[in-house]
C-alpha atoms as a PDB file:
ATOM      1  CA  MET A   1       0.000   0.000   0.000  1.00  0.00           C
ATOM      2  CA  ALA A   2       0.989   3.620  -0.415  1.00  0.00           C
ATOM      3  CA  GLU A   3       0.960   4.366   3.331  1.00  0.00           C
ATOM      4  CA  ARG A   4      -1.080   7.508   2.769  1.00  0.00           C
ATOM      5  CA  LEU A   5      -1.989   7.530   6.478  1.00  0.00           C
ATOM      6  CA  ARG A   6       1.525   7.084   7.893  1.00  0.00           C
ATOM      7  CA  ASP A   7       1.929   8.919  11.248  1.00  0.00           C
ATOM      8  CA  LYS A   8      -1.844   9.427  11.510  1.00  0.00           C
ATOM      9  CA  VAL A   9      -4.222   8.099  14.143  1.00  0.00           C
ATOM     10  CA  ALA A  10      -7.600   6.868  12.932  1.00  0.00           C
ATOM     11  CA  VAL A  11     -10.473   6.410  15.369  1.00  0.00           C
ATOM     12  CA  VAL A  12     -12.998   4.005  13.866  1.00  0.00           C
ATOM     13  CA  VAL A  13     -16.312   3.911  15.728  1.00  0.00           C
ATOM     14  CA  GLY A  14     -18.060   0.640  14.979  1.00  0.00           C
ATOM     15  CA  ALA A  15     -14.804  -1.195  14.238  1.00  0.00           C
ATOM     16  CA  GLY A  16     -16.192  -4.596  15.225  1.00  0.00           C
ATOM     17  CA  SER A  17     -18.512  -6.857  13.285  1.00  0.00           C
ATOM     18  CA  ILE A  18     -21.896  -7.981  14.586  1.00  0.00           C
ATOM     19  CA  GLY A  19     -21.470 -11.471  13.152  1.00  0.00           C
ATOM     20  CA  PRO A  20     -18.862 -13.550  11.397  1.00  0.00           C
ATOM     21  CA  GLY A  21     -17.042 -12.047   8.474  1.00  0.00           C
ATOM     22  CA  TRP A  22     -16.228  -8.460   7.647  1.00  0.00           C
ATOM     23  CA  GLY A  23     -18.504  -5.497   8.205  1.00  0.00           C
ATOM     24  CA  ASN A  24     -17.891  -1.909   7.161  1.00  0.00           C
ATOM     25  CA  GLY A  25     -16.217  -1.015  10.460  1.00  0.00           C
ATOM     26  CA  LYS A  26     -13.739  -3.874  10.454  1.00  0.00           C
ATOM     27  CA  ALA A  27     -12.921  -3.298   6.784  1.00  0.00           C
ATOM     28  CA  THR A  28     -12.398   0.429   7.378  1.00  0.00           C
ATOM     29  CA  ALA A  29     -10.136  -0.121  10.387  1.00  0.00           C
ATOM     30  CA  VAL A  30      -7.987  -2.707   8.612  1.00  0.00           C
ATOM     31  CA  LEU A  31      -7.714  -0.615   5.444  1.00  0.00           C
ATOM     32  CA  PHE A  32      -6.635   2.444   7.452  1.00  0.00           C
ATOM     33  CA  ALA A  33      -3.980   0.310   9.171  1.00  0.00           C
ATOM     34  CA  ARG A  34      -2.778  -1.055   5.846  1.00  0.00           C
ATOM     35  CA  GLU A  35      -2.328   2.551   4.762  1.00  0.00           C
ATOM     36  CA  GLY A  36      -0.081   3.167   7.775  1.00  0.00           C
ATOM     37  CA  ALA A  37      -2.472   4.604  10.372  1.00  0.00           C
ATOM     38  CA  LYS A  38      -2.414   3.691  14.039  1.00  0.00           C
ATOM     39  CA  VAL A  39      -6.012   2.623  14.615  1.00  0.00           C
ATOM     40  CA  VAL A  40      -8.242   2.961  17.644  1.00  0.00           C
ATOM     41  CA  CYS A  41     -10.878   0.247  17.210  1.00  0.00           C
ATOM     42  CA  ALA A  42     -13.941   1.493  19.104  1.00  0.00           C
ATOM     43  CA  ASP A  43     -17.062  -0.608  19.434  1.00  0.00           C
ATOM     44  CA  ILE A  44     -19.868  -1.269  21.911  1.00  0.00           C
ATOM     45  CA  ASN A  45     -18.821  -4.939  21.803  1.00  0.00           C
ATOM     46  CA  PRO A  46     -15.316  -5.189  23.317  1.00  0.00           C
ATOM     47  CA  ASP A  47     -14.738  -8.670  21.880  1.00  0.00           C
ATOM     48  CA  ALA A  48     -15.543  -7.468  18.359  1.00  0.00           C
ATOM     49  CA  ALA A  49     -13.210  -4.468  18.769  1.00  0.00           C
ATOM     50  CA  ALA A  50     -10.461  -6.777  20.066  1.00  0.00           C
ATOM     51  CA  GLU A  51     -10.890  -9.122  17.097  1.00  0.00           C
ATOM     52  CA  THR A  52     -10.403  -6.254  14.652  1.00  0.00           C
ATOM     53  CA  ALA A  53      -7.404  -4.895  16.571  1.00  0.00           C
ATOM     54  CA  GLU A  54      -5.842  -8.362  16.598  1.00  0.00           C
ATOM     55  CA  LEU A  55      -6.259  -8.634  12.812  1.00  0.00           C
ATOM     56  CA  ILE A  56      -4.420  -5.329  12.438  1.00  0.00           C
ATOM     57  CA  ARG A  57      -1.615  -6.342  14.807  1.00  0.00           C
ATOM     58  CA  GLY A  58      -1.370  -9.697  13.014  1.00  0.00           C
ATOM     59  CA  GLU A  59      -0.589  -7.802   9.815  1.00  0.00           C
ATOM     60  CA  GLY A  60       2.106  -5.760  11.588  1.00  0.00           C
ATOM     61  CA  GLY A  61      -0.007  -2.675  12.260  1.00  0.00           C
ATOM     62  CA  GLU A  62      -0.681  -0.788  15.460  1.00  0.00           C
ATOM     63  CA  ALA A  63      -4.140  -0.965  17.007  1.00  0.00           C
ATOM     64  CA  LEU A  64      -5.881  -0.402  20.302  1.00  0.00           C
ATOM     65  CA  GLU A  65      -9.352  -1.705  21.126  1.00  0.00           C
ATOM     66  CA  VAL A  66     -11.748   0.416  23.178  1.00  0.00           C
ATOM     67  CA  GLU A  67     -15.285  -0.299  24.376  1.00  0.00           C
ATOM     68  CA  VAL A  68     -17.497   2.688  23.516  1.00  0.00           C
ATOM     69  CA  ASP A  69     -21.245   3.130  23.331  1.00  0.00           C
ATOM     70  CA  ALA A  70     -21.532   5.716  20.561  1.00  0.00           C
ATOM     71  CA  THR A  71     -25.034   6.651  21.715  1.00  0.00           C
ATOM     72  CA  GLN A  72     -23.503   8.112  24.895  1.00  0.00           C
ATOM     73  CA  GLN A  73     -22.031  11.537  24.199  1.00  0.00           C
ATOM     74  CA  ASP A  74     -19.752  11.461  27.261  1.00  0.00           C
ATOM     75  CA  GLN A  75     -18.163   8.199  26.063  1.00  0.00           C
ATOM     76  CA  VAL A  76     -17.566   9.587  22.581  1.00  0.00           C
ATOM     77  CA  GLN A  77     -16.058  12.791  24.004  1.00  0.00           C
ATOM     78  CA  ALA A  78     -13.781  10.732  26.290  1.00  0.00           C
ATOM     79  CA  LEU A  79     -12.701   8.638  23.309  1.00  0.00           C
ATOM     80  CA  VAL A  80     -11.767  11.709  21.287  1.00  0.00           C
ATOM     81  CA  ALA A  81      -9.993  13.302  24.273  1.00  0.00           C
ATOM     82  CA  ALA A  82      -8.038  10.113  24.978  1.00  0.00           C
ATOM     83  CA  SER A  83      -6.881   9.918  21.372  1.00  0.00           C
ATOM     84  CA  GLY A  84      -5.328  13.374  21.738  1.00  0.00           C
ATOM     85  CA  LEU A  85      -6.561  14.601  18.391  1.00  0.00           C
ATOM     86  CA  MET A  86      -9.530  15.453  16.285  1.00  0.00           C
ATOM     87  CA  PRO A  87     -10.087  12.264  14.301  1.00  0.00           C
ATOM     88  CA  THR A  88     -10.469  12.369  10.563  1.00  0.00           C
ATOM     89  CA  ALA A  89     -11.890   8.872  10.354  1.00  0.00           C
ATOM     90  CA  ALA A  90     -15.437   8.075   9.373  1.00  0.00           C
ATOM     91  CA  SER A  91     -18.026   6.546  11.640  1.00  0.00           C
ATOM     92  CA  THR A  92     -19.226   3.213  10.333  1.00  0.00           C
ATOM     93  CA  CYS A  93     -22.297   2.891  12.553  1.00  0.00           C
ATOM     94  CA  SER A  94     -25.414   1.522  10.943  1.00  0.00           C
ATOM     95  CA  THR A  95     -28.495   3.700  10.893  1.00  0.00           C
ATOM     96  CA  THR A  96     -31.843   2.019  11.441  1.00  0.00           C
ATOM     97  CA  THR A  97     -34.002   5.127  11.233  1.00  0.00           C
ATOM     98  CA  SER A  98     -34.919   7.609   8.558  1.00  0.00           C
ATOM     99  CA  ALA A  99     -35.169  10.411  11.145  1.00  0.00           C
ATOM    100  CA  SER A 100     -32.781  13.344  11.055  1.00  0.00           C
ATOM    101  CA  PRO A 101     -30.812  14.626  14.094  1.00  0.00           C
ATOM    102  CA  ARG A 102     -33.366  17.395  14.587  1.00  0.00           C
ATOM    103  CA  SER A 103     -36.489  15.226  14.421  1.00  0.00           C
ATOM    104  CA  ALA A 104     -38.423  13.945  17.444  1.00  0.00           C
ATOM    105  CA  GLY A 105     -37.787  10.249  16.717  1.00  0.00           C
ATOM    106  CA  TRP A 106     -34.019  10.538  16.470  1.00  0.00           C
ATOM    107  CA  SER A 107     -33.087  10.020  20.144  1.00  0.00           C
ATOM    108  CA  ASN A 108     -35.668   7.289  20.657  1.00  0.00           C
ATOM    109  CA  SER A 109     -34.298   5.043  17.938  1.00  0.00           C
ATOM    110  CA  PRO A 110     -32.502   1.743  18.651  1.00  0.00           C
ATOM    111  CA  LYS A 111     -28.958   1.895  20.023  1.00  0.00           C
ATOM    112  CA  SER A 112     -27.438   1.223  16.611  1.00  0.00           C
ATOM    113  CA  SER A 113     -29.215   4.291  15.331  1.00  0.00           C
ATOM    114  CA  GLY A 114     -28.167   7.608  13.941  1.00  0.00           C
ATOM    115  CA  THR A 115     -27.678   9.206  17.372  1.00  0.00           C
ATOM    116  CA  GLY A 116     -24.466   7.291  17.973  1.00  0.00           C
ATOM    117  CA  CYS A 117     -23.317   7.857  14.434  1.00  0.00           C
ATOM    118  CA  TRP A 118     -24.057  11.562  14.650  1.00  0.00           C
ATOM    119  CA  ARG A 119     -22.150  11.939  17.945  1.00  0.00           C
ATOM    120  CA  SER A 120     -19.168  10.008  16.690  1.00  0.00           C
ATOM    121  CA  ILE A 121     -18.437  12.146  13.642  1.00  0.00           C
END
């Protein structure tokens, strides 16, 4: 790879996969690592985050797994503060609602909803 992200830190929220195989979060985290980034693998499921981080380390990259509930603003803020930077990585959370951040139904959506995604980017 071109190592376009050498000396960068990427925080990937939703870095684990819900089931077997590769989801968007895992694929994003691994691709960022392959491009030279040090990756913080954040996910509500600590085992899923650890699996992704281990894949990255197995390929010679640097990764740290962190348990984060992206629907909780204080946890997302702590994650960003702990990383020591303003991340440029994308959130890979799934959205299960068509509501917008300003609509009444937004905060009442399931935990894998847009609220967590919105707070993590």
